[in-house]
Protein backbone atom coordinates (compact mmCIF):
# COMPACT_ATOMS: atom_id res chain seq x y z
CA PRO A 1 29.30 74.62 1.02
CA GLU A 2 31.47 72.74 -1.45
CA VAL A 3 29.66 70.93 -4.25
CA LEU A 4 30.40 67.21 -3.91
CA VAL A 5 28.18 65.80 -6.65
CA LYS A 6 26.07 67.31 -9.38
CA SER A 7 22.77 65.92 -10.64
CA VAL A 8 21.01 67.60 -13.53
CA VAL A 9 17.31 67.22 -14.24
CA ALA A 10 15.80 68.86 -17.30
CA THR A 11 12.43 68.73 -19.04
CA ARG A 12 10.09 70.83 -21.15
CA GLN A 13 7.07 69.03 -19.71
CA GLY A 14 6.18 71.64 -17.08
CA PRO A 15 6.66 72.14 -13.35
CA GLN A 16 4.68 69.09 -12.21
CA VAL A 17 6.82 66.66 -14.19
CA PHE A 18 9.96 68.59 -13.27
CA GLY A 19 9.02 68.47 -9.57
CA ARG A 20 8.46 64.70 -9.64
CA ARG A 21 11.81 64.21 -11.37
CA LEU A 22 13.52 66.34 -8.74
CA VAL A 23 11.97 64.26 -5.97
CA ALA A 24 13.10 61.02 -7.61
CA ASP A 25 16.64 62.34 -8.04
CA THR A 26 16.89 63.64 -4.46
CA TYR A 27 15.88 60.21 -3.13
CA ARG A 28 18.29 58.49 -5.51
CA ARG A 29 21.09 60.73 -4.20
CA GLY A 30 20.16 60.12 -0.57
CA PHE A 31 19.24 63.71 0.28
CA ALA A 32 16.50 62.47 2.62
CA ALA A 33 19.23 61.43 5.07
CA ALA A 34 20.74 64.92 5.24
CA ARG A 35 20.31 66.71 8.57
CA ARG A 36 19.92 70.09 6.90
CA LYS A 37 18.25 70.59 3.56
CA ALA A 38 17.91 73.78 1.52
CA PHE A 39 15.78 74.61 -1.50
CA VAL A 40 17.45 77.58 -3.21
CA ALA A 41 15.67 79.28 -6.10
CA ASP A 42 14.94 82.63 -7.68
CA GLY A 43 11.57 84.32 -7.20
CA ALA A 44 9.68 82.43 -9.92
CA ALA A 45 6.30 81.19 -8.69
CA ASN A 46 6.82 77.76 -10.31
CA ASN A 47 9.91 77.17 -8.19
CA TRP A 48 8.06 77.89 -4.97
CA SER A 49 5.04 75.80 -5.95
CA ILE A 50 7.46 72.87 -6.46
CA HIS A 51 8.95 73.65 -3.04
CA ARG A 52 5.53 73.68 -1.37
CA GLN A 53 4.38 70.47 -3.05
CA TYR A 54 7.50 68.33 -2.87
CA PHE A 55 10.15 69.94 -0.65
CA SER A 56 8.28 71.79 2.10
CA HIS A 57 10.56 70.17 4.71
CA TYR A 58 13.59 71.86 3.06
CA THR A 59 14.59 75.37 4.17
CA PRO A 60 13.36 77.75 1.45
CA ILE A 61 16.07 80.23 0.41
CA LEU A 62 15.76 83.00 -2.15
CA ASP A 63 18.89 83.13 -4.26
CA PHE A 64 20.95 85.98 -2.82
CA THR A 65 22.23 87.05 -6.23
CA HIS A 66 18.72 87.62 -7.54
CA ALA A 67 17.74 89.55 -4.43
CA ILE A 68 20.85 91.76 -4.50
CA CYS A 69 20.26 92.59 -8.18
CA TYR A 70 16.77 93.84 -7.33
CA VAL A 71 18.15 95.85 -4.40
CA TYR A 72 20.85 97.40 -6.60
CA ALA A 73 18.36 98.34 -9.33
CA ALA A 74 16.05 100.03 -6.81
CA ALA A 75 18.85 101.87 -5.03
CA MET A 76 20.26 103.28 -8.27
CA ALA A 77 16.94 104.02 -10.04
CA GLY A 78 16.54 107.70 -10.84
CA ARG A 79 19.63 108.78 -8.89
CA ARG A 80 23.14 109.96 -9.59
CA ALA A 81 25.67 107.19 -9.18
CA ASN A 82 27.18 108.49 -5.92
CA ASP A 83 23.80 108.97 -4.24
CA GLY A 84 22.48 105.62 -5.41
CA TRP A 85 25.67 103.84 -4.39
CA GLN A 86 25.44 105.00 -0.78
CA THR A 87 21.84 103.81 -0.60
CA TYR A 88 22.82 100.51 -2.19
CA LEU A 89 25.57 99.91 0.36
CA GLN A 90 23.11 100.34 3.23
CA TRP A 91 20.40 98.23 1.61
CA ALA A 92 22.89 95.49 0.65
CA GLN A 93 24.12 95.35 4.25
CA TRP A 94 20.56 94.94 5.52
CA LEU A 95 19.92 92.19 3.00
CA TRP A 96 23.15 90.37 3.90
CA GLU A 97 22.47 90.48 7.64
CA GLY A 98 18.81 89.49 7.22
CA SER A 99 17.35 92.83 8.36
CA THR A 100 14.47 92.52 5.94
CA ASP A 101 12.12 94.81 7.88
CA ALA A 102 14.59 97.72 7.65
CA LEU A 103 15.20 96.99 3.97
CA LEU A 104 11.52 96.76 3.12
CA ALA A 105 10.76 99.96 5.00
CA ALA A 106 13.50 101.84 3.11
CA VAL A 107 12.37 100.52 -0.28
CA ALA A 108 8.74 101.35 0.58
CA GLU A 109 9.79 104.89 1.56
CA ARG A 110 11.64 105.31 -1.74
CA SER A 111 8.63 103.94 -3.62
CA SER A 112 6.26 106.39 -1.96
CA GLN A 113 8.64 109.27 -2.80
CA LEU A 114 8.57 108.29 -6.49
CA GLY A 115 4.85 107.57 -6.61
CA HIS A 116 2.99 104.70 -8.20
CA PRO A 117 4.13 103.92 -11.76
CA ALA A 118 1.75 104.18 -14.70
CA LYS A 119 0.01 100.94 -15.70
CA ASP A 120 2.27 99.99 -18.65
CA ASP A 121 5.43 101.60 -17.29
CA THR A 122 8.24 99.10 -16.73
CA THR A 123 11.35 101.27 -17.06
CA SER A 124 10.92 104.40 -14.93
CA ALA A 125 12.52 104.76 -11.51
CA ALA A 126 9.06 104.45 -9.95
CA ALA A 127 8.42 101.17 -11.81
CA ILE A 128 11.81 99.69 -10.89
CA VAL A 129 11.47 100.53 -7.19
CA HIS A 130 7.84 99.35 -7.10
CA ARG A 131 8.83 96.02 -8.73
CA THR A 132 11.65 95.59 -6.20
CA ARG A 133 9.32 96.35 -3.30
CA THR A 134 6.84 93.73 -4.51
CA TYR A 135 9.58 91.16 -5.12
CA LEU A 136 11.19 91.62 -1.70
CA LYS A 137 7.83 91.66 0.08
CA ASN A 138 6.81 88.39 -1.62
CA GLN A 139 10.17 86.76 -0.82
CA LYS A 140 10.68 88.12 2.72
CA SER A 141 10.37 84.77 4.50
CA ARG A 142 13.14 83.33 2.29
CA MET A 143 15.76 86.03 2.92
CA LYS A 144 17.20 85.12 6.35
CA TYR A 145 20.74 85.08 4.98
CA ALA A 146 22.62 85.49 8.28
CA LYS A 147 20.72 82.50 9.71
CA TYR A 148 21.35 80.41 6.59
CA ARG A 149 25.08 81.17 6.64
CA LYS A 150 25.26 80.29 10.33
CA LEU A 151 23.66 76.92 9.53
CA GLY A 152 26.11 76.35 6.67
CA LEU A 153 23.38 76.43 4.04
CA PRO A 154 23.94 77.74 0.51
CA ILE A 155 22.48 81.14 -0.32
CA THR A 156 23.00 81.24 -4.06
CA SER A 157 21.87 79.17 -7.02
CA SER A 158 24.92 80.11 -9.11
CA HIS A 159 25.76 76.43 -9.71
CA ILE A 160 22.31 75.95 -11.22
CA GLU A 161 22.48 79.15 -13.25
CA SER A 162 25.78 78.11 -14.85
CA THR A 163 24.39 74.64 -15.56
CA ILE A 164 21.37 76.18 -17.32
CA LYS A 165 23.78 78.10 -19.55
CA GLN A 166 25.58 74.84 -20.37
CA ILE A 167 22.26 73.20 -21.29
CA ASN A 168 21.25 76.18 -23.41
CA ARG A 169 24.56 76.14 -25.25
CA ARG A 170 24.00 72.49 -26.22
CA VAL A 171 20.30 72.75 -27.07
CA LYS A 172 19.66 76.24 -28.45
CA GLY A 173 21.18 77.86 -31.48
CA THR A 174 20.51 79.10 -34.99
CA GLU A 175 21.58 75.85 -36.68
CA LYS A 176 19.85 73.48 -34.29
CA PHE A 177 16.53 71.91 -35.20
CA TRP A 178 14.81 69.26 -33.10
CA HIS A 179 12.18 67.68 -35.33
CA ALA A 180 11.44 65.01 -32.73
CA GLY A 181 11.35 67.69 -30.04
CA ALA A 182 14.04 68.76 -27.61
CA GLU A 183 13.00 66.45 -24.77
CA PRO A 184 15.27 63.49 -25.74
CA LEU A 185 18.23 65.82 -26.18
CA LEU A 186 17.53 67.49 -22.85
CA GLN A 187 17.71 64.08 -21.16
CA LEU A 188 21.05 63.33 -22.82
CA VAL A 189 22.49 66.71 -21.88
CA ALA A 190 21.27 66.36 -18.29
CA ASP A 191 22.83 62.90 -18.04
CA HIS A 192 26.10 64.18 -19.52
CA LEU A 193 26.26 67.09 -17.04
CA SER A 194 25.43 64.88 -14.03
């Protein structure tokens, strides 16, 4: 879908305050009148708690870009490039068409081949594949990409990701000090980007 308007909400006050601000902005923009509504986010638990509390009537969609990055990492982990690439192509196709059961089964099989990673291991092939398996399993109900595309719903949060980078560029930096806190500046930046 084409972006028609852009509203930016930003705060450092936590997910509850952020969620209430999102609700206020969606009502101000008239989103309640939309026939189809989507809540697109990455796998962060805070995002989905906001969805459950304030936007449960919106279709929950895991950002496709985040999901495909996990799939790529797991397919390539501990393999030569050619071997990993062929696996990635198959897994990416399953993800794109919404065949999550086939994808999860293949990732689980690969995880069992590599074994369970050590407790503090975050970088081995076993750890990468295990992390992907957990991520995809937790997000399974939000990965019906073929259905979402058929309904004309967005499947990526790339607009939000680029906006976050714009906020960071204005707020963060080595020569930037916010003695009164960053909250007032965040509000100004959000208003400017809206």
